[in-house]
């Protein structure tokens, strides 16, 4: 999670990009949990629709 936090803080990535790294039913190989997403971004995780 430290890597993702650093990237987010440096504005290399945004919350929309970080959503792709969250572990979900359809993304079992994600790297962070929904709680970690909120800790990094300060936003609730809402799955983006395509």
N, C-alpha and C. Protein backbone atom coordinates (compact mmCIF):
# COMPACT_ATOMS: atom_id res chain seq x y z
N UNK A 1 0.81 -1.19 0.00
CA UNK A 1 0.00 0.00 0.00
C UNK A 1 0.86 1.26 0.00
N UNK A 2 2.03 1.22 0.58
CA UNK A 2 2.89 2.40 0.65
C UNK A 2 3.22 2.94 -0.74
N UNK A 3 3.45 2.03 -1.68
CA UNK A 3 3.75 2.44 -3.05
C UNK A 3 2.59 3.25 -3.64
N UNK A 4 1.37 2.73 -3.49
CA UNK A 4 0.20 3.41 -4.04
C UNK A 4 -0.03 4.75 -3.37
N UNK A 5 0.19 4.83 -2.06
CA UNK A 5 0.03 6.09 -1.32
C UNK A 5 1.04 7.12 -1.82
N UNK A 6 2.26 6.69 -2.02
CA UNK A 6 3.30 7.59 -2.50
C UNK A 6 2.92 8.13 -3.89
N UNK A 7 2.50 7.25 -4.78
CA UNK A 7 2.11 7.67 -6.14
C UNK A 7 0.94 8.64 -6.10
N UNK A 8 -0.05 8.36 -5.26
CA UNK A 8 -1.22 9.23 -5.15
C UNK A 8 -0.81 10.60 -4.58
N UNK A 9 0.01 10.59 -3.55
CA UNK A 9 0.44 11.85 -2.92
C UNK A 9 1.27 12.70 -3.88
N UNK A 10 2.04 12.04 -4.76
CA UNK A 10 2.87 12.75 -5.74
C UNK A 10 2.06 13.16 -6.98
N UNK A 11 0.78 12.77 -6.99
CA UNK A 11 -0.13 13.07 -8.10
C UNK A 11 0.30 12.41 -9.41
N UNK A 12 0.96 11.27 -9.27
CA UNK A 12 1.31 10.47 -10.45
C UNK A 12 0.06 9.72 -10.93
N UNK A 13 -0.80 9.36 -9.99
CA UNK A 13 -2.06 8.69 -10.29
C UNK A 13 -3.19 9.43 -9.59
N UNK A 14 -4.41 9.22 -10.06
CA UNK A 14 -5.57 9.80 -9.38
C UNK A 14 -6.46 8.67 -8.85
N UNK A 15 -7.54 9.03 -8.19
CA UNK A 15 -8.42 8.03 -7.57
C UNK A 15 -9.02 7.10 -8.62
N UNK A 16 -9.33 7.63 -9.80
CA UNK A 16 -9.90 6.78 -10.85
C UNK A 16 -8.93 5.69 -11.26
N UNK A 17 -7.66 6.04 -11.40
CA UNK A 17 -6.67 5.04 -11.76
C UNK A 17 -6.48 4.04 -10.62
N UNK A 18 -6.46 4.54 -9.39
CA UNK A 18 -6.23 3.68 -8.23
C UNK A 18 -7.34 2.65 -8.04
N UNK A 19 -8.55 2.96 -8.51
CA UNK A 19 -9.66 2.00 -8.42
C UNK A 19 -9.32 0.67 -9.09
N UNK A 20 -8.46 0.72 -10.10
CA UNK A 20 -8.07 -0.48 -10.82
C UNK A 20 -7.22 -1.42 -9.96
N UNK A 21 -6.65 -0.93 -8.88
CA UNK A 21 -5.79 -1.73 -8.02
C UNK A 21 -6.52 -2.32 -6.82
N UNK A 22 -7.83 -2.05 -6.71
CA UNK A 22 -8.61 -2.53 -5.57
C UNK A 22 -9.08 -3.96 -5.82
N UNK A 23 -8.97 -4.78 -4.80
CA UNK A 23 -9.43 -6.17 -4.86
C UNK A 23 -10.96 -6.18 -4.84
N UNK A 24 -11.56 -6.76 -5.88
CA UNK A 24 -13.01 -6.87 -5.97
C UNK A 24 -13.35 -8.27 -6.47
N UNK A 25 -14.64 -8.55 -6.58
CA UNK A 25 -15.06 -9.85 -7.11
C UNK A 25 -14.56 -10.07 -8.53
N UNK A 26 -14.54 -9.02 -9.31
CA UNK A 26 -14.09 -9.14 -10.70
C UNK A 26 -12.60 -8.90 -10.88
N UNK A 27 -11.93 -8.40 -9.85
CA UNK A 27 -10.49 -8.15 -9.88
C UNK A 27 -9.84 -8.81 -8.67
N UNK A 28 -9.77 -10.10 -8.70
CA UNK A 28 -9.23 -10.85 -7.55
C UNK A 28 -7.72 -10.66 -7.38
N UNK A 29 -7.06 -10.14 -8.41
CA UNK A 29 -5.61 -9.96 -8.34
C UNK A 29 -5.23 -8.51 -8.04
N UNK A 30 -6.17 -7.76 -7.47
CA UNK A 30 -5.88 -6.38 -7.08
C UNK A 30 -4.81 -6.35 -5.99
N UNK A 31 -4.38 -5.16 -5.65
CA UNK A 31 -3.26 -5.00 -4.73
C UNK A 31 -3.65 -4.36 -3.40
N UNK A 32 -4.78 -3.65 -3.37
CA UNK A 32 -5.20 -2.99 -2.13
C UNK A 32 -6.67 -3.30 -1.85
N UNK A 33 -7.05 -3.13 -0.60
CA UNK A 33 -8.44 -3.39 -0.20
C UNK A 33 -9.25 -2.10 -0.32
N UNK A 34 -10.55 -2.25 -0.18
CA UNK A 34 -11.45 -1.09 -0.21
C UNK A 34 -11.09 -0.13 0.93
N UNK A 35 -10.78 -0.66 2.09
CA UNK A 35 -10.40 0.18 3.23
C UNK A 35 -9.10 0.93 2.97
N UNK A 36 -8.15 0.27 2.34
CA UNK A 36 -6.89 0.94 2.00
C UNK A 36 -7.11 2.04 0.96
N UNK A 37 -8.02 1.80 0.02
CA UNK A 37 -8.35 2.83 -0.97
C UNK A 37 -8.85 4.08 -0.27
N UNK A 38 -9.74 3.91 0.69
CA UNK A 38 -10.27 5.06 1.44
C UNK A 38 -9.17 5.74 2.24
N UNK A 39 -8.28 4.96 2.83
CA UNK A 39 -7.18 5.53 3.60
C UNK A 39 -6.26 6.37 2.71
N UNK A 40 -6.01 5.92 1.50
CA UNK A 40 -5.11 6.62 0.58
C UNK A 40 -5.77 7.88 0.02
N UNK A 41 -7.02 7.74 -0.45
CA UNK A 41 -7.66 8.84 -1.18
C UNK A 41 -8.56 9.71 -0.32
N UNK A 42 -9.06 9.16 0.78
CA UNK A 42 -10.04 9.89 1.59
C UNK A 42 -11.44 9.78 1.02
N UNK A 43 -11.61 9.00 -0.05
CA UNK A 43 -12.91 8.82 -0.70
C UNK A 43 -13.40 7.40 -0.47
N UNK A 44 -14.73 7.23 -0.45
CA UNK A 44 -15.29 5.89 -0.42
C UNK A 44 -15.07 5.24 -1.77
N UNK A 45 -14.85 3.92 -1.76
CA UNK A 45 -14.66 3.20 -3.02
C UNK A 45 -16.01 2.97 -3.67
N UNK A 46 -16.15 3.49 -4.87
CA UNK A 46 -17.33 3.22 -5.68
C UNK A 46 -16.80 2.67 -7.00
N UNK A 47 -17.21 1.46 -7.31
CA UNK A 47 -16.70 0.82 -8.50
C UNK A 47 -17.12 1.61 -9.74
N UNK A 48 -16.16 1.96 -10.54
CA UNK A 48 -16.44 2.69 -11.78
C UNK A 48 -17.09 1.74 -12.77
N UNK A 49 -18.08 2.24 -13.49
CA UNK A 49 -18.73 1.42 -14.50
C UNK A 49 -18.15 1.74 -15.86
N UNK A 50 -18.11 0.72 -16.71
CA UNK A 50 -17.55 0.95 -18.03
C UNK A 50 -18.62 0.94 -19.09
